[in-house]
PDB file of all heavy atoms in Angstrom:
ATOM      1  N   LEU A   1     -35.020 -35.881 -18.165  1.00  0.00           N
ATOM      2  CA  LEU A   1     -35.820 -35.486 -17.013  1.00  0.00           C
ATOM      3  C   LEU A   1     -36.028 -36.608 -15.954  1.00  0.00           C
ATOM      4  O   LEU A   1     -36.016 -36.383 -14.765  1.00  0.00           O
ATOM      5  CB  LEU A   1     -37.164 -34.923 -17.470  1.00  0.00           C
ATOM      6  CG  LEU A   1     -37.006 -33.569 -18.101  1.00  0.00           C
ATOM      7  CD1 LEU A   1     -38.299 -33.295 -18.906  1.00  0.00           C
ATOM      8  CD2 LEU A   1     -36.711 -32.546 -16.967  1.00  0.00           C
ATOM      9  N   TRP A   2     -35.985 -37.828 -16.396  1.00  0.00           N
ATOM     10  CA  TRP A   2     -36.207 -38.892 -15.421  1.00  0.00           C
ATOM     11  C   TRP A   2     -34.887 -39.177 -14.582  1.00  0.00           C
ATOM     12  O   TRP A   2     -34.915 -39.904 -13.596  1.00  0.00           O
ATOM     13  CB  TRP A   2     -36.677 -40.243 -16.133  1.00  0.00           C
ATOM     14  CG  TRP A   2     -35.620 -40.681 -17.161  1.00  0.00           C
ATOM     15  CD1 TRP A   2     -34.482 -41.226 -17.146  1.00  0.00           C
ATOM     16  CD2 TRP A   2     -35.811 -40.475 -18.609  1.00  0.00           C
ATOM     17  NE1 TRP A   2     -33.933 -41.557 -18.337  1.00  0.00           N
ATOM     18  CE2 TRP A   2     -34.732 -41.093 -19.275  1.00  0.00           C
ATOM     19  CE3 TRP A   2     -36.952 -40.005 -19.427  1.00  0.00           C
ATOM     20  CZ2 TRP A   2     -34.592 -40.974 -20.698  1.00  0.00           C
ATOM     21  CZ3 TRP A   2     -36.876 -39.936 -20.815  1.00  0.00           C
ATOM     22  CH2 TRP A   2     -35.675 -40.475 -21.378  1.00  0.00           C
ATOM     23  N   ASP A   3     -33.785 -38.599 -14.932  1.00  0.00           N
ATOM     24  CA  ASP A   3     -32.548 -38.804 -14.174  1.00  0.00           C
ATOM     25  C   ASP A   3     -32.264 -37.539 -13.272  1.00  0.00           C
ATOM     26  O   ASP A   3     -31.201 -37.566 -12.701  1.00  0.00           O
ATOM     27  CB  ASP A   3     -31.323 -38.942 -15.210  1.00  0.00           C
ATOM     28  CG  ASP A   3     -31.225 -40.373 -15.767  1.00  0.00           C
ATOM     29  OD1 ASP A   3     -31.709 -41.297 -15.115  1.00  0.00           O
ATOM     30  OD2 ASP A   3     -30.753 -40.473 -16.913  1.00  0.00           O
ATOM     31  N   VAL A   4     -33.127 -36.599 -13.123  1.00  0.00           N
ATOM     32  CA  VAL A   4     -32.852 -35.365 -12.321  1.00  0.00           C
ATOM     33  C   VAL A   4     -32.344 -35.738 -10.951  1.00  0.00           C
ATOM     34  O   VAL A   4     -31.268 -35.264 -10.468  1.00  0.00           O
ATOM     35  CB  VAL A   4     -34.052 -34.417 -12.366  1.00  0.00           C
ATOM     36  CG1 VAL A   4     -33.795 -33.380 -11.352  1.00  0.00           C
ATOM     37  CG2 VAL A   4     -34.244 -33.851 -13.702  1.00  0.00           C
ATOM     38  N   GLU A   5     -33.141 -36.602 -10.301  1.00  0.00           N
ATOM     39  CA  GLU A   5     -32.772 -36.792  -8.768  1.00  0.00           C
ATOM     40  C   GLU A   5     -31.541 -37.643  -8.656  1.00  0.00           C
ATOM     41  O   GLU A   5     -30.671 -37.324  -7.889  1.00  0.00           O
ATOM     42  CB  GLU A   5     -33.967 -37.544  -8.101  1.00  0.00           C
ATOM     43  CG  GLU A   5     -35.190 -36.690  -7.773  1.00  0.00           C
ATOM     44  CD  GLU A   5     -36.005 -36.206  -8.907  1.00  0.00           C
ATOM     45  OE1 GLU A   5     -35.840 -36.841 -10.030  1.00  0.00           O
ATOM     46  OE2 GLU A   5     -36.863 -35.242  -8.819  1.00  0.00           O
ATOM     47  N   SER A   6     -31.361 -38.637  -9.417  1.00  0.00           N
ATOM     48  CA  SER A   6     -30.183 -39.416  -9.273  1.00  0.00           C
ATOM     49  C   SER A   6     -28.940 -38.736  -9.701  1.00  0.00           C
ATOM     50  O   SER A   6     -27.882 -38.833  -9.065  1.00  0.00           O
ATOM     51  CB  SER A   6     -30.426 -40.813 -10.129  1.00  0.00           C
ATOM     52  OG  SER A   6     -30.554 -40.487 -11.486  1.00  0.00           O
ATOM     53  N   ALA A   7     -28.955 -37.958 -10.891  1.00  0.00           N
ATOM     54  CA  ALA A   7     -27.835 -37.211 -11.182  1.00  0.00           C
ATOM     55  C   ALA A   7     -27.590 -36.041 -10.264  1.00  0.00           C
ATOM     56  O   ALA A   7     -26.418 -35.646 -10.042  1.00  0.00           O
ATOM     57  CB  ALA A   7     -28.049 -36.671 -12.654  1.00  0.00           C
ATOM     58  N   GLY A   8     -28.649 -35.478  -9.682  1.00  0.00           N
ATOM     59  CA  GLY A   8     -28.385 -34.514  -8.716  1.00  0.00           C
ATOM     60  C   GLY A   8     -27.619 -34.974  -7.488  1.00  0.00           C
ATOM     61  O   GLY A   8     -26.773 -34.305  -7.030  1.00  0.00           O
ATOM     62  N   GLU A   9     -27.952 -36.155  -7.023  1.00  0.00           N
ATOM     63  CA  GLU A   9     -27.206 -36.783  -5.907  1.00  0.00           C
ATOM     64  C   GLU A   9     -25.752 -36.971  -6.326  1.00  0.00           C
ATOM     65  O   GLU A   9     -24.816 -36.727  -5.521  1.00  0.00           O
ATOM     66  CB  GLU A   9     -27.777 -38.039  -5.513  1.00  0.00           C
ATOM     67  CG  GLU A   9     -29.078 -37.894  -4.760  1.00  0.00           C
ATOM     68  CD  GLU A   9     -29.022 -37.362  -3.411  1.00  0.00           C
ATOM     69  OE1 GLU A   9     -27.827 -37.314  -2.777  1.00  0.00           O
ATOM     70  OE2 GLU A   9     -30.065 -37.086  -2.802  1.00  0.00           O
ATOM     71  N   ALA A  10     -25.535 -37.428  -7.633  1.00  0.00           N
ATOM     72  CA  ALA A  10     -24.177 -37.750  -8.000  1.00  0.00           C
ATOM     73  C   ALA A  10     -23.298 -36.528  -8.077  1.00  0.00           C
ATOM     74  O   ALA A  10     -22.018 -36.670  -7.917  1.00  0.00           O
ATOM     75  CB  ALA A  10     -24.315 -38.477  -9.416  1.00  0.00           C
ATOM     76  N   ILE A  11     -23.806 -35.401  -8.342  1.00  0.00           N
ATOM     77  CA  ILE A  11     -22.952 -34.121  -8.710  1.00  0.00           C
ATOM     78  C   ILE A  11     -22.631 -33.409  -7.298  1.00  0.00           C
ATOM     79  O   ILE A  11     -21.810 -32.454  -7.424  1.00  0.00           O
ATOM     80  CB  ILE A  11     -23.648 -33.146  -9.667  1.00  0.00           C
ATOM     81  CG1 ILE A  11     -24.843 -32.608  -8.977  1.00  0.00           C
ATOM     82  CG2 ILE A  11     -23.995 -33.775 -10.956  1.00  0.00           C
ATOM     83  CD1 ILE A  11     -25.450 -31.368  -9.895  1.00  0.00           C
ATOM     84  N   ARG A  12     -23.175 -33.913  -6.241  1.00  0.00           N
ATOM     85  CA  ARG A  12     -22.881 -33.133  -4.986  1.00  0.00           C
ATOM     86  C   ARG A  12     -21.443 -32.845  -4.624  1.00  0.00           C
ATOM     87  O   ARG A  12     -21.028 -31.826  -4.203  1.00  0.00           O
ATOM     88  CB  ARG A  12     -23.597 -33.815  -3.849  1.00  0.00           C
ATOM     89  CG  ARG A  12     -25.194 -33.653  -3.897  1.00  0.00           C
ATOM     90  CD  ARG A  12     -25.918 -34.444  -2.835  1.00  0.00           C
ATOM     91  NE  ARG A  12     -25.610 -34.045  -1.530  1.00  0.00           N
ATOM     92  CZ  ARG A  12     -26.170 -34.494  -0.343  1.00  0.00           C
ATOM     93  NH1 ARG A  12     -26.870 -35.583  -0.439  1.00  0.00           N
ATOM     94  NH2 ARG A  12     -25.857 -33.938   0.758  1.00  0.00           N
ATOM     95  N   PRO A  13     -20.515 -33.839  -5.001  1.00  0.00           N
ATOM     96  CA  PRO A  13     -19.148 -33.577  -4.757  1.00  0.00           C
ATOM     97  C   PRO A  13     -18.538 -32.393  -5.636  1.00  0.00           C
ATOM     98  O   PRO A  13     -17.439 -31.931  -5.270  1.00  0.00           O
ATOM     99  CB  PRO A  13     -18.380 -34.954  -5.060  1.00  0.00           C
ATOM    100  CG  PRO A  13     -19.542 -35.978  -5.006  1.00  0.00           C
ATOM    101  CD  PRO A  13     -20.781 -35.267  -5.469  1.00  0.00           C
ATOM    102  N   MET A  14     -19.220 -32.012  -6.658  1.00  0.00           N
ATOM    103  CA  MET A  14     -18.825 -30.950  -7.442  1.00  0.00           C
ATOM    104  C   MET A  14     -19.309 -29.515  -7.068  1.00  0.00           C
ATOM    105  O   MET A  14     -19.015 -28.500  -7.667  1.00  0.00           O
ATOM    106  CB  MET A  14     -19.122 -31.179  -8.936  1.00  0.00           C
ATOM    107  CG  MET A  14     -18.628 -32.510  -9.539  1.00  0.00           C
ATOM    108  SD  MET A  14     -18.677 -32.550 -11.377  1.00  0.00           S
ATOM    109  CE  MET A  14     -20.405 -32.538 -11.627  1.00  0.00           C
ATOM    110  N   ILE A  15     -20.086 -29.541  -6.020  1.00  0.00           N
ATOM    111  CA  ILE A  15     -20.789 -28.236  -5.605  1.00  0.00           C
ATOM    112  C   ILE A  15     -20.000 -27.656  -4.421  1.00  0.00           C
ATOM    113  O   ILE A  15     -19.852 -28.223  -3.387  1.00  0.00           O
ATOM    114  CB  ILE A  15     -22.287 -28.608  -5.043  1.00  0.00           C
ATOM    115  CG1 ILE A  15     -23.044 -29.351  -6.121  1.00  0.00           C
ATOM    116  CG2 ILE A  15     -22.888 -27.224  -4.723  1.00  0.00           C
ATOM    117  CD1 ILE A  15     -23.089 -28.792  -7.386  1.00  0.00           C
ATOM    118  N   GLY A  16     -19.460 -26.434  -4.763  1.00  0.00           N
ATOM    119  CA  GLY A  16     -18.814 -25.629  -3.762  1.00  0.00           C
ATOM    120  C   GLY A  16     -19.596 -24.510  -3.341  1.00  0.00           C
ATOM    121  O   GLY A  16     -20.743 -24.537  -3.678  1.00  0.00           O
ATOM    122  N   PRO A  17     -19.229 -23.703  -2.386  1.00  0.00           N
ATOM    123  CA  PRO A  17     -19.949 -22.639  -1.817  1.00  0.00           C
ATOM    124  C   PRO A  17     -20.563 -21.684  -2.778  1.00  0.00           C
ATOM    125  O   PRO A  17     -21.656 -21.005  -2.573  1.00  0.00           O
ATOM    126  CB  PRO A  17     -19.070 -21.918  -0.840  1.00  0.00           C
ATOM    127  CG  PRO A  17     -17.684 -22.282  -1.276  1.00  0.00           C
ATOM    128  CD  PRO A  17     -17.728 -23.635  -1.885  1.00  0.00           C
ATOM    129  N   ASP A  18     -19.984 -21.454  -3.966  1.00  0.00           N
ATOM    130  CA  ASP A  18     -20.580 -20.463  -4.945  1.00  0.00           C
ATOM    131  C   ASP A  18     -20.743 -21.132  -6.303  1.00  0.00           C
ATOM    132  O   ASP A  18     -20.853 -20.456  -7.279  1.00  0.00           O
ATOM    133  CB  ASP A  18     -19.688 -19.230  -5.087  1.00  0.00           C
ATOM    134  CG  ASP A  18     -20.339 -18.043  -5.558  1.00  0.00           C
ATOM    135  OD1 ASP A  18     -21.572 -17.837  -5.290  1.00  0.00           O
ATOM    136  OD2 ASP A  18     -19.749 -17.365  -6.448  1.00  0.00           O
ATOM    137  N   THR A  19     -20.837 -22.472  -6.294  1.00  0.00           N
ATOM    138  CA  THR A  19     -21.146 -23.197  -7.665  1.00  0.00           C
ATOM    139  C   THR A  19     -22.471 -22.851  -8.084  1.00  0.00           C
ATOM    140  O   THR A  19     -23.486 -22.902  -7.330  1.00  0.00           O
ATOM    141  CB  THR A  19     -20.946 -24.720  -7.404  1.00  0.00           C
ATOM    142  OG1 THR A  19     -19.716 -25.039  -7.026  1.00  0.00           O
ATOM    143  CG2 THR A  19     -21.278 -25.427  -8.692  1.00  0.00           C
ATOM    144  N   ALA A  20     -22.644 -22.611  -9.347  1.00  0.00           N
ATOM    145  CA  ALA A  20     -23.974 -22.385  -9.979  1.00  0.00           C
ATOM    146  C   ALA A  20     -24.320 -23.729 -10.765  1.00  0.00           C
ATOM    147  O   ALA A  20     -23.601 -24.128 -11.651  1.00  0.00           O
ATOM    148  CB  ALA A  20     -23.920 -21.199 -11.023  1.00  0.00           C
ATOM    149  N   VAL A  21     -25.412 -24.178 -10.452  1.00  0.00           N
ATOM    150  CA  VAL A  21     -26.034 -25.389 -11.194  1.00  0.00           C
ATOM    151  C   VAL A  21     -27.131 -24.843 -12.088  1.00  0.00           C
ATOM    152  O   VAL A  21     -28.151 -24.311 -11.635  1.00  0.00           O
ATOM    153  CB  VAL A  21     -26.560 -26.395 -10.250  1.00  0.00           C
ATOM    154  CG1 VAL A  21     -27.182 -27.573 -11.073  1.00  0.00           C
ATOM    155  CG2 VAL A  21     -25.470 -26.902  -9.321  1.00  0.00           C
ATOM    156  N   ILE A  22     -26.863 -24.925 -13.451  1.00  0.00           N
ATOM    157  CA  ILE A  22     -27.782 -24.427 -14.443  1.00  0.00           C
ATOM    158  C   ILE A  22     -28.553 -25.538 -15.108  1.00  0.00           C
ATOM    159  O   ILE A  22     -27.924 -26.239 -15.988  1.00  0.00           O
ATOM    160  CB  ILE A  22     -27.054 -23.465 -15.548  1.00  0.00           C
ATOM    161  CG1 ILE A  22     -26.376 -22.391 -14.806  1.00  0.00           C
ATOM    162  CG2 ILE A  22     -28.093 -22.937 -16.362  1.00  0.00           C
ATOM    163  CD1 ILE A  22     -25.549 -21.544 -15.656  1.00  0.00           C
ATOM    164  N   PRO A  23     -29.753 -25.902 -14.871  1.00  0.00           N
ATOM    165  CA  PRO A  23     -30.354 -27.020 -15.469  1.00  0.00           C
ATOM    166  C   PRO A  23     -30.836 -26.487 -16.877  1.00  0.00           C
ATOM    167  O   PRO A  23     -31.428 -25.398 -17.070  1.00  0.00           O
ATOM    168  CB  PRO A  23     -31.755 -27.235 -14.661  1.00  0.00           C
ATOM    169  CG  PRO A  23     -31.560 -26.345 -13.398  1.00  0.00           C
ATOM    170  CD  PRO A  23     -30.563 -25.290 -13.800  1.00  0.00           C
ATOM    171  N   LEU A  24     -30.565 -27.239 -17.839  1.00  0.00           N
ATOM    172  CA  LEU A  24     -30.870 -26.977 -19.211  1.00  0.00           C
ATOM    173  C   LEU A  24     -31.655 -28.088 -19.925  1.00  0.00           C
ATOM    174  O   LEU A  24     -31.592 -28.382 -21.116  1.00  0.00           O
ATOM    175  CB  LEU A  24     -29.498 -26.790 -20.088  1.00  0.00           C
ATOM    176  CG  LEU A  24     -28.713 -25.547 -19.761  1.00  0.00           C
ATOM    177  CD1 LEU A  24     -27.419 -25.619 -20.522  1.00  0.00           C
ATOM    178  CD2 LEU A  24     -29.479 -24.243 -19.887  1.00  0.00           C
ATOM    179  N   GLN A  25     -32.664 -28.509 -19.092  1.00  0.00           N
ATOM    180  CA  GLN A  25     -33.578 -29.564 -19.580  1.00  0.00           C
ATOM    181  C   GLN A  25     -34.851 -29.116 -20.194  1.00  0.00           C
ATOM    182  O   GLN A  25     -35.194 -27.806 -19.985  1.00  0.00           O
ATOM    183  CB  GLN A  25     -33.967 -30.454 -18.310  1.00  0.00           C
ATOM    184  CG  GLN A  25     -32.885 -31.610 -18.029  1.00  0.00           C
ATOM    185  CD  GLN A  25     -32.359 -31.180 -16.735  1.00  0.00           C
ATOM    186  OE1 GLN A  25     -32.412 -30.126 -16.167  1.00  0.00           O
ATOM    187  NE2 GLN A  25     -31.809 -32.143 -16.059  1.00  0.00           N
ATOM    188  N   ASN A  26     -35.528 -29.953 -20.759  1.00  0.00           N
ATOM    189  CA  ASN A  26     -36.935 -29.595 -21.190  1.00  0.00           C
ATOM    190  C   ASN A  26     -37.883 -29.508 -19.865  1.00  0.00           C
ATOM    191  O   ASN A  26     -37.393 -29.901 -18.791  1.00  0.00           O
ATOM    192  CB  ASN A  26     -37.435 -30.732 -22.059  1.00  0.00           C
ATOM    193  CG  ASN A  26     -36.704 -30.838 -23.366  1.00  0.00           C
ATOM    194  OD1 ASN A  26     -36.078 -29.809 -23.841  1.00  0.00           O
ATOM    195  ND2 ASN A  26     -36.540 -32.086 -23.807  1.00  0.00           N
ATOM    196  N   GLY A  27     -39.114 -28.981 -19.991  1.00  0.00           N
ATOM    197  CA  GLY A  27     -39.920 -28.996 -18.886  1.00  0.00           C
ATOM    198  C   GLY A  27     -39.703 -27.675 -18.137  1.00  0.00           C
ATOM    199  O   GLY A  27     -38.870 -26.769 -18.420  1.00  0.00           O
ATOM    200  N   VAL A  28     -40.345 -27.548 -16.914  1.00  0.00           N
ATOM    201  CA  VAL A  28     -40.293 -26.414 -16.043  1.00  0.00           C
ATOM    202  C   VAL A  28     -40.082 -26.698 -14.598  1.00  0.00           C
ATOM    203  O   VAL A  28     -40.081 -25.752 -13.816  1.00  0.00           O
ATOM    204  CB  VAL A  28     -41.640 -25.551 -16.186  1.00  0.00           C
ATOM    205  CG1 VAL A  28     -41.833 -25.018 -17.515  1.00  0.00           C
ATOM    206  CG2 VAL A  28     -42.871 -26.489 -15.946  1.00  0.00           C
ATOM    207  N   ASP A  29     -39.792 -27.980 -14.305  1.00  0.00           N
ATOM    208  CA  ASP A  29     -39.609 -28.221 -12.844  1.00  0.00           C
ATOM    209  C   ASP A  29     -38.315 -28.707 -12.406  1.00  0.00           C
ATOM    210  O   ASP A  29     -38.159 -29.109 -11.252  1.00  0.00           O
ATOM    211  CB  ASP A  29     -40.770 -29.152 -12.396  1.00  0.00           C
ATOM    212  CG  ASP A  29     -40.608 -30.575 -13.061  1.00  0.00           C
ATOM    213  OD1 ASP A  29     -39.833 -30.719 -13.935  1.00  0.00           O
ATOM    214  OD2 ASP A  29     -41.365 -31.438 -12.721  1.00  0.00           O
ATOM    215  N   ALA A  30     -37.315 -28.702 -13.217  1.00  0.00           N
ATOM    216  CA  ALA A  30     -36.009 -29.217 -12.837  1.00  0.00           C
ATOM    217  C   ALA A  30     -35.276 -28.470 -11.697  1.00  0.00           C
ATOM    218  O   ALA A  30     -34.781 -29.076 -10.854  1.00  0.00           O
ATOM    219  CB  ALA A  30     -35.075 -29.207 -14.111  1.00  0.00           C
ATOM    220  N   SER A  31     -35.416 -27.236 -11.697  1.00  0.00           N
ATOM    221  CA  SER A  31     -34.825 -26.386 -10.588  1.00  0.00           C
ATOM    222  C   SER A  31     -35.470 -26.763  -9.317  1.00  0.00           C
ATOM    223  O   SER A  31     -34.850 -26.906  -8.207  1.00  0.00           O
ATOM    224  CB  SER A  31     -34.970 -24.850 -10.886  1.00  0.00           C
ATOM    225  OG  SER A  31     -34.281 -24.534 -12.020  1.00  0.00           O
TER     226      SER A  31
END
């Protein structure tokens, strides 16, 4: 959970127009 923001920035090159990002972390605020 402490890596959400940094990893989110890193994965942007993998995001296409219909890519689905499914967070499977603990907690309730990752999305």
